[in-house]
Every structure is written in structure tokens, then in C-alpha cells.
Amino acid sequence: MALAETAIEPRQCPFCGTDIASPGAGFIRHVEDEPECRDAFETWRDRVSDDMRGGWAG
């Protein structure tokens, strides 16, 4: 898993570093197509969902 301690490049997957088509829909397509990234995204979402009032809608 690629972890950044500085700025994150919005056109790269934060989990594997692969270039993605766009930071929105392109990211979601990438996560849906890559099981390792999907698992990492789900873990991340579970961890941050309680940090946001009313949950995270993304």
C-alpha cells in the first residue's frame, strides 16, 4: 500500500499508486476493478465514517 506523508496526487490511487482517469469516477472504477484497492478503500471508509457527522456519503 502506498502511503504518503506529504501531498497526495489526485490522479493516482492512494492505495497502490496507479494512475487513474480522474479523481472522482475514475477512482471509483479503479477501486471496483482492483480487489486489493477495494479492500483498502473499505477499510479506510470504515475507519473515517465515525469521524464525519452523519457518516460519509461517498
N, C-alpha and C. Protein backbone atom coordinates (compact mmCIF):
# COMPACT_ATOMS: atom_id res chain seq x y z
N MET A 1 0.85 -1.17 0.00
CA MET A 1 0.00 0.00 0.00
C MET A 1 0.89 1.23 0.00
N ALA A 2 0.64 2.13 -0.92
CA ALA A 2 1.40 3.38 -0.98
C ALA A 2 0.81 4.36 0.02
N LEU A 3 1.63 4.83 0.94
CA LEU A 3 1.18 5.80 1.92
C LEU A 3 2.00 7.07 1.78
N ALA A 4 1.32 8.20 1.70
CA ALA A 4 2.02 9.47 1.54
C ALA A 4 2.02 10.24 2.85
N GLU A 5 3.16 10.82 3.18
CA GLU A 5 3.25 11.68 4.35
C GLU A 5 3.16 13.14 3.94
N THR A 6 3.12 13.40 2.64
CA THR A 6 3.01 14.76 2.13
C THR A 6 1.78 14.84 1.24
N ALA A 7 1.80 15.70 0.26
CA ALA A 7 0.64 15.88 -0.62
C ALA A 7 0.34 14.59 -1.38
N ILE A 8 -0.94 14.36 -1.62
CA ILE A 8 -1.39 13.19 -2.38
C ILE A 8 -1.73 13.64 -3.80
N GLU A 9 -1.25 12.92 -4.77
CA GLU A 9 -1.54 13.21 -6.18
C GLU A 9 -2.96 12.74 -6.48
N PRO A 10 -3.88 13.65 -6.84
CA PRO A 10 -5.28 13.26 -7.03
C PRO A 10 -5.54 12.32 -8.21
N ARG A 11 -4.61 12.20 -9.13
CA ARG A 11 -4.81 11.30 -10.28
C ARG A 11 -4.03 10.00 -10.11
N GLN A 12 -3.73 9.66 -8.85
CA GLN A 12 -3.11 8.38 -8.54
C GLN A 12 -3.89 7.73 -7.40
N CYS A 13 -4.02 6.43 -7.47
CA CYS A 13 -4.67 5.70 -6.39
C CYS A 13 -3.82 5.83 -5.13
N PRO A 14 -4.40 6.26 -4.01
CA PRO A 14 -3.62 6.40 -2.79
C PRO A 14 -3.21 5.06 -2.18
N PHE A 15 -3.81 3.97 -2.66
CA PHE A 15 -3.52 2.66 -2.11
C PHE A 15 -2.44 1.91 -2.87
N CYS A 16 -2.37 2.10 -4.19
CA CYS A 16 -1.37 1.36 -4.97
C CYS A 16 -0.48 2.25 -5.82
N GLY A 17 -0.85 3.53 -5.98
CA GLY A 17 -0.05 4.46 -6.75
C GLY A 17 -0.29 4.45 -8.24
N THR A 18 -1.22 3.62 -8.72
CA THR A 18 -1.53 3.54 -10.14
C THR A 18 -2.20 4.84 -10.60
N ASP A 19 -1.85 5.29 -11.81
CA ASP A 19 -2.52 6.45 -12.40
C ASP A 19 -3.98 6.09 -12.67
N ILE A 20 -4.88 7.03 -12.38
CA ILE A 20 -6.31 6.82 -12.61
C ILE A 20 -6.83 7.92 -13.54
N ALA A 21 -7.95 7.64 -14.20
CA ALA A 21 -8.50 8.55 -15.20
C ALA A 21 -8.95 9.88 -14.60
N SER A 22 -9.53 9.84 -13.42
CA SER A 22 -9.99 11.06 -12.76
C SER A 22 -10.07 10.79 -11.26
N PRO A 23 -10.00 11.85 -10.45
CA PRO A 23 -10.05 11.64 -9.01
C PRO A 23 -11.44 11.27 -8.49
N GLY A 24 -12.46 11.37 -9.30
CA GLY A 24 -13.82 11.02 -8.88
C GLY A 24 -14.24 9.67 -9.40
N ALA A 25 -14.92 9.70 -10.54
CA ALA A 25 -15.44 8.46 -11.14
C ALA A 25 -14.32 7.50 -11.52
N GLY A 26 -13.20 8.03 -11.97
CA GLY A 26 -12.06 7.17 -12.33
C GLY A 26 -11.53 6.41 -11.13
N PHE A 27 -11.51 7.08 -9.98
CA PHE A 27 -11.06 6.41 -8.76
C PHE A 27 -12.02 5.29 -8.37
N ILE A 28 -13.31 5.58 -8.43
CA ILE A 28 -14.30 4.56 -8.07
C ILE A 28 -14.21 3.36 -9.01
N ARG A 29 -14.07 3.60 -10.32
CA ARG A 29 -13.92 2.48 -11.27
C ARG A 29 -12.67 1.66 -10.93
N HIS A 30 -11.58 2.34 -10.62
CA HIS A 30 -10.33 1.64 -10.29
C HIS A 30 -10.53 0.77 -9.05
N VAL A 31 -11.15 1.34 -8.02
CA VAL A 31 -11.38 0.60 -6.78
C VAL A 31 -12.29 -0.60 -7.02
N GLU A 32 -13.28 -0.45 -7.87
CA GLU A 32 -14.17 -1.57 -8.18
C GLU A 32 -13.45 -2.68 -8.94
N ASP A 33 -12.46 -2.30 -9.76
CA ASP A 33 -11.75 -3.28 -10.60
C ASP A 33 -10.56 -3.94 -9.91
N GLU A 34 -10.04 -3.33 -8.86
CA GLU A 34 -8.84 -3.84 -8.19
C GLU A 34 -9.18 -4.32 -6.78
N PRO A 35 -9.26 -5.63 -6.55
CA PRO A 35 -9.66 -6.15 -5.25
C PRO A 35 -8.82 -5.64 -4.07
N GLU A 36 -7.51 -5.52 -4.25
CA GLU A 36 -6.66 -5.04 -3.16
C GLU A 36 -7.00 -3.60 -2.79
N CYS A 37 -7.22 -2.77 -3.80
CA CYS A 37 -7.57 -1.37 -3.55
C CYS A 37 -8.98 -1.27 -2.98
N ARG A 38 -9.89 -2.12 -3.45
CA ARG A 38 -11.25 -2.12 -2.92
C ARG A 38 -11.23 -2.44 -1.43
N ASP A 39 -10.45 -3.45 -1.04
CA ASP A 39 -10.36 -3.81 0.37
C ASP A 39 -9.76 -2.68 1.19
N ALA A 40 -8.71 -2.04 0.67
CA ALA A 40 -8.07 -0.93 1.38
C ALA A 40 -9.03 0.26 1.50
N PHE A 41 -9.79 0.53 0.45
CA PHE A 41 -10.76 1.63 0.47
C PHE A 41 -11.85 1.35 1.49
N GLU A 42 -12.36 0.14 1.53
CA GLU A 42 -13.39 -0.22 2.51
C GLU A 42 -12.87 -0.08 3.93
N THR A 43 -11.63 -0.50 4.16
CA THR A 43 -11.03 -0.35 5.48
C THR A 43 -10.92 1.12 5.84
N TRP A 44 -10.44 1.94 4.90
CA TRP A 44 -10.31 3.38 5.14
C TRP A 44 -11.68 3.99 5.45
N ARG A 45 -12.68 3.63 4.64
CA ARG A 45 -14.02 4.20 4.82
C ARG A 45 -14.59 3.80 6.18
N ASP A 46 -14.38 2.57 6.60
CA ASP A 46 -14.85 2.14 7.92
C ASP A 46 -14.19 2.95 9.04
N ARG A 47 -12.92 3.26 8.86
CA ARG A 47 -12.18 4.00 9.90
C ARG A 47 -12.59 5.46 9.98
N VAL A 48 -12.94 6.09 8.86
CA VAL A 48 -13.26 7.52 8.90
C VAL A 48 -14.75 7.80 9.02
N SER A 49 -15.59 6.82 8.83
CA SER A 49 -17.04 7.08 8.82
C SER A 49 -17.53 7.68 10.13
N ASP A 50 -16.97 7.28 11.25
CA ASP A 50 -17.39 7.83 12.54
C ASP A 50 -16.82 9.22 12.79
N ASP A 51 -15.83 9.62 12.00
CA ASP A 51 -15.22 10.94 12.17
C ASP A 51 -16.07 12.04 11.54
N MET A 52 -17.01 11.66 10.69
CA MET A 52 -17.82 12.64 9.98
C MET A 52 -19.26 12.57 10.45
N ARG A 53 -19.75 13.69 10.88
CA ARG A 53 -21.11 13.76 11.39
C ARG A 53 -22.10 13.24 10.34
N GLY A 54 -22.91 12.31 10.72
CA GLY A 54 -23.89 11.74 9.80
C GLY A 54 -23.30 10.71 8.85
N GLY A 55 -22.03 10.33 9.06
CA GLY A 55 -21.39 9.34 8.20
C GLY A 55 -20.80 9.94 6.95
N TRP A 56 -20.26 9.10 6.12
CA TRP A 56 -19.62 9.53 4.88
C TRP A 56 -20.46 9.04 3.73
N ALA A 57 -20.91 9.93 2.87
CA ALA A 57 -21.82 9.57 1.79
C ALA A 57 -21.12 9.07 0.54
N GLY A 58 -19.79 9.23 0.45
CA GLY A 58 -19.07 8.87 -0.77
C GLY A 58 -18.90 7.41 -0.97
